[in-house]
Amino acid sequence: MADEVPYAPERIRELPSWLLGRAAARGHRLVAEALAAEGVRMMHHAVLASVAELGPVSQATLSRTLRVDPKEMVAIVRDLHSEGLVHRKPDPADQRKHAISLSPAGADLLSRTERLGAAANNALTESLTPAERGQLIDLLNRIIAPGR
């Protein structure tokens, strides 16, 4: 359509920072909408996934792993615990800390939200071939963690 405004002026359409920001915003929207079907927020899903992979794990480790402020992590873990999705028990290695692990209900919810998240990510990258999607993931990982 002739009256359609381009998604960005040409000068910024070639900037990786602009494009990454736009792609991230679209990805966040798609995943947030998908997870909302289960009443889950993105960071809560990220914590459940991290606990499943790392657990039992301390809140401090979760904070560092996900790069979330420790006070915010306390609130997230409190939410998940109050919903019966994680267990919080004293860490045998350090009684001052709590070890966070998934409850059966948390594992069930994580299974459902992982499927929803995968479908949203497939929608995000539907215009890419499987090889291009793999290449995109590799490139983004190199940008996020140079030298790895």
Protein backbone atom coordinates (compact mmCIF):
# COMPACT_ATOMS: atom_id res chain seq x y z
CA MET A 1 0.00 0.00 0.00
CA ALA A 2 1.43 3.40 -0.97
CA ASP A 3 0.33 5.09 2.28
CA GLU A 4 1.92 2.41 4.47
CA VAL A 5 4.68 3.72 6.72
CA PRO A 6 7.84 1.56 6.64
CA TYR A 7 8.62 -0.20 9.90
CA ALA A 8 11.62 2.10 10.42
CA PRO A 9 13.49 4.83 8.58
CA GLU A 10 16.17 3.42 6.29
CA ARG A 11 19.01 4.83 8.41
CA ILE A 12 18.10 2.67 11.36
CA ARG A 13 16.80 -0.39 9.49
CA GLU A 14 20.42 -1.49 9.02
CA LEU A 15 21.44 -1.12 12.67
CA PRO A 16 21.78 -4.48 14.45
CA SER A 17 20.82 -2.85 17.75
CA TRP A 18 17.55 -1.56 16.30
CA LEU A 19 16.72 -4.85 14.60
CA LEU A 20 17.57 -6.92 17.68
CA GLY A 21 15.38 -4.65 19.80
CA ARG A 22 12.44 -4.98 17.42
CA ALA A 23 12.86 -8.75 17.14
CA ALA A 24 13.16 -9.06 20.93
CA ALA A 25 10.02 -6.97 21.46
CA ARG A 26 8.07 -9.18 19.04
CA GLY A 27 9.44 -12.34 20.64
CA HIS A 28 8.60 -11.12 24.15
CA ARG A 29 5.06 -10.26 23.07
CA LEU A 30 4.48 -13.65 21.41
CA VAL A 31 5.88 -15.65 24.33
CA ALA A 32 4.14 -13.52 26.99
CA GLU A 33 0.81 -13.98 25.22
CA ALA A 34 1.37 -17.74 24.92
CA LEU A 35 2.37 -18.17 28.57
CA ALA A 36 -0.62 -16.09 29.68
CA ALA A 37 -2.81 -19.02 28.58
CA GLU A 38 -1.45 -20.81 31.68
CA GLY A 39 -1.43 -17.67 33.84
CA VAL A 40 2.38 -17.59 33.85
CA ARG A 41 4.70 -14.61 33.41
CA MET A 42 7.90 -14.95 31.43
CA MET A 43 10.30 -14.59 34.34
CA HIS A 44 8.35 -17.14 36.38
CA HIS A 45 8.66 -19.55 33.45
CA ALA A 46 12.40 -18.80 33.20
CA VAL A 47 12.85 -19.56 36.90
CA LEU A 48 10.90 -22.82 36.62
CA ALA A 49 13.02 -23.85 33.62
CA SER A 50 16.24 -22.94 35.44
CA VAL A 51 15.24 -24.82 38.58
CA ALA A 52 14.39 -27.86 36.45
CA GLU A 53 17.84 -27.76 34.87
CA LEU A 54 19.96 -26.67 37.85
CA GLY A 55 17.93 -27.69 40.89
CA PRO A 56 18.05 -27.94 43.72
CA VAL A 57 19.53 -24.46 43.43
CA SER A 58 19.90 -21.40 45.62
CA GLN A 59 18.03 -18.16 44.98
CA ALA A 60 21.40 -16.42 44.66
CA THR A 61 22.45 -18.79 41.89
CA LEU A 62 19.11 -18.25 40.14
CA SER A 63 19.63 -14.48 40.37
CA ARG A 64 23.10 -14.70 38.85
CA THR A 65 22.09 -17.22 36.20
CA LEU A 66 19.09 -15.21 34.99
CA ARG A 67 20.66 -11.81 35.71
CA VAL A 68 17.76 -10.79 37.93
CA ASP A 69 18.03 -8.53 40.96
CA PRO A 70 18.15 -10.71 44.09
CA LYS A 71 15.17 -8.87 45.64
CA GLU A 72 13.13 -9.56 42.51
CA MET A 73 14.18 -13.21 42.63
CA VAL A 74 12.96 -13.49 46.23
CA ALA A 75 9.54 -12.24 45.11
CA ILE A 76 9.43 -14.62 42.12
CA VAL A 77 10.39 -17.63 44.24
CA ARG A 78 7.85 -16.57 46.87
CA ASP A 79 5.14 -16.46 44.17
CA LEU A 80 6.10 -19.87 42.82
CA HIS A 81 6.29 -21.36 46.32
CA SER A 82 2.91 -19.95 47.34
CA GLU A 83 1.38 -21.53 44.21
CA GLY A 84 2.94 -24.89 45.11
CA LEU A 85 5.20 -24.90 42.03
CA VAL A 86 8.54 -25.07 43.85
CA HIS A 87 9.81 -26.41 47.15
CA ARG A 88 12.04 -24.24 49.32
CA LYS A 89 14.15 -26.22 51.79
CA PRO A 90 17.26 -25.36 53.77
CA ASP A 91 20.37 -26.00 51.68
CA PRO A 92 22.28 -28.91 53.24
CA ALA A 93 25.58 -27.22 52.28
CA ASP A 94 24.62 -23.88 53.89
CA GLN A 95 21.68 -23.73 56.29
CA ARG A 96 21.46 -19.92 55.78
CA LYS A 97 20.33 -20.51 52.18
CA HIS A 98 17.33 -22.18 50.64
CA ALA A 99 17.58 -24.85 47.97
CA ILE A 100 14.82 -24.43 45.39
CA SER A 101 13.46 -27.48 43.57
CA LEU A 102 10.45 -28.15 41.35
CA SER A 103 7.32 -29.66 42.82
CA PRO A 104 5.34 -32.15 40.74
CA ALA A 105 2.83 -29.36 39.97
CA GLY A 106 5.73 -27.12 38.88
CA ALA A 107 7.08 -29.83 36.59
CA ASP A 108 3.64 -30.31 35.03
CA LEU A 109 3.20 -26.57 34.50
CA LEU A 110 6.70 -26.25 33.06
CA SER A 111 5.95 -29.01 30.57
CA ARG A 112 2.88 -27.10 29.36
CA THR A 113 4.59 -23.69 29.26
CA GLU A 114 7.58 -25.11 27.39
CA ARG A 115 5.23 -26.30 24.65
CA LEU A 116 3.53 -22.89 24.54
CA GLY A 117 6.89 -21.09 24.46
CA ALA A 118 8.15 -23.36 21.68
CA ALA A 119 5.04 -22.64 19.59
CA ALA A 120 5.53 -18.88 20.13
CA ASN A 121 9.19 -19.12 19.13
CA ASN A 122 8.22 -21.11 16.06
CA ALA A 123 5.81 -18.32 15.13
CA LEU A 124 8.58 -15.78 15.67
CA THR A 125 10.94 -17.59 13.30
CA GLU A 126 8.40 -19.05 10.86
CA SER A 127 9.90 -17.14 7.93
CA LEU A 128 13.27 -18.89 8.48
CA THR A 129 14.36 -22.31 7.32
CA PRO A 130 15.47 -24.73 10.06
CA ALA A 131 19.11 -24.07 9.06
CA GLU A 132 18.59 -20.30 9.23
CA ARG A 133 16.95 -20.66 12.64
CA GLY A 134 19.97 -22.60 13.90
CA GLN A 135 22.28 -20.00 12.43
CA LEU A 136 20.29 -17.20 14.07
CA ILE A 137 20.53 -18.90 17.46
CA ASP A 138 24.29 -19.38 17.02
CA LEU A 139 24.79 -15.75 16.00
CA LEU A 140 22.69 -14.40 18.86
CA ASN A 141 24.63 -16.52 21.34
CA ARG A 142 27.88 -15.08 19.97
CA ILE A 143 26.53 -11.54 20.38
CA ILE A 144 25.30 -12.22 23.91
CA ALA A 145 28.45 -13.99 25.08
CA PRO A 146 31.42 -12.99 22.91
CA GLY A 147 34.40 -15.31 23.14
CA ARG A 148 32.48 -18.41 24.21
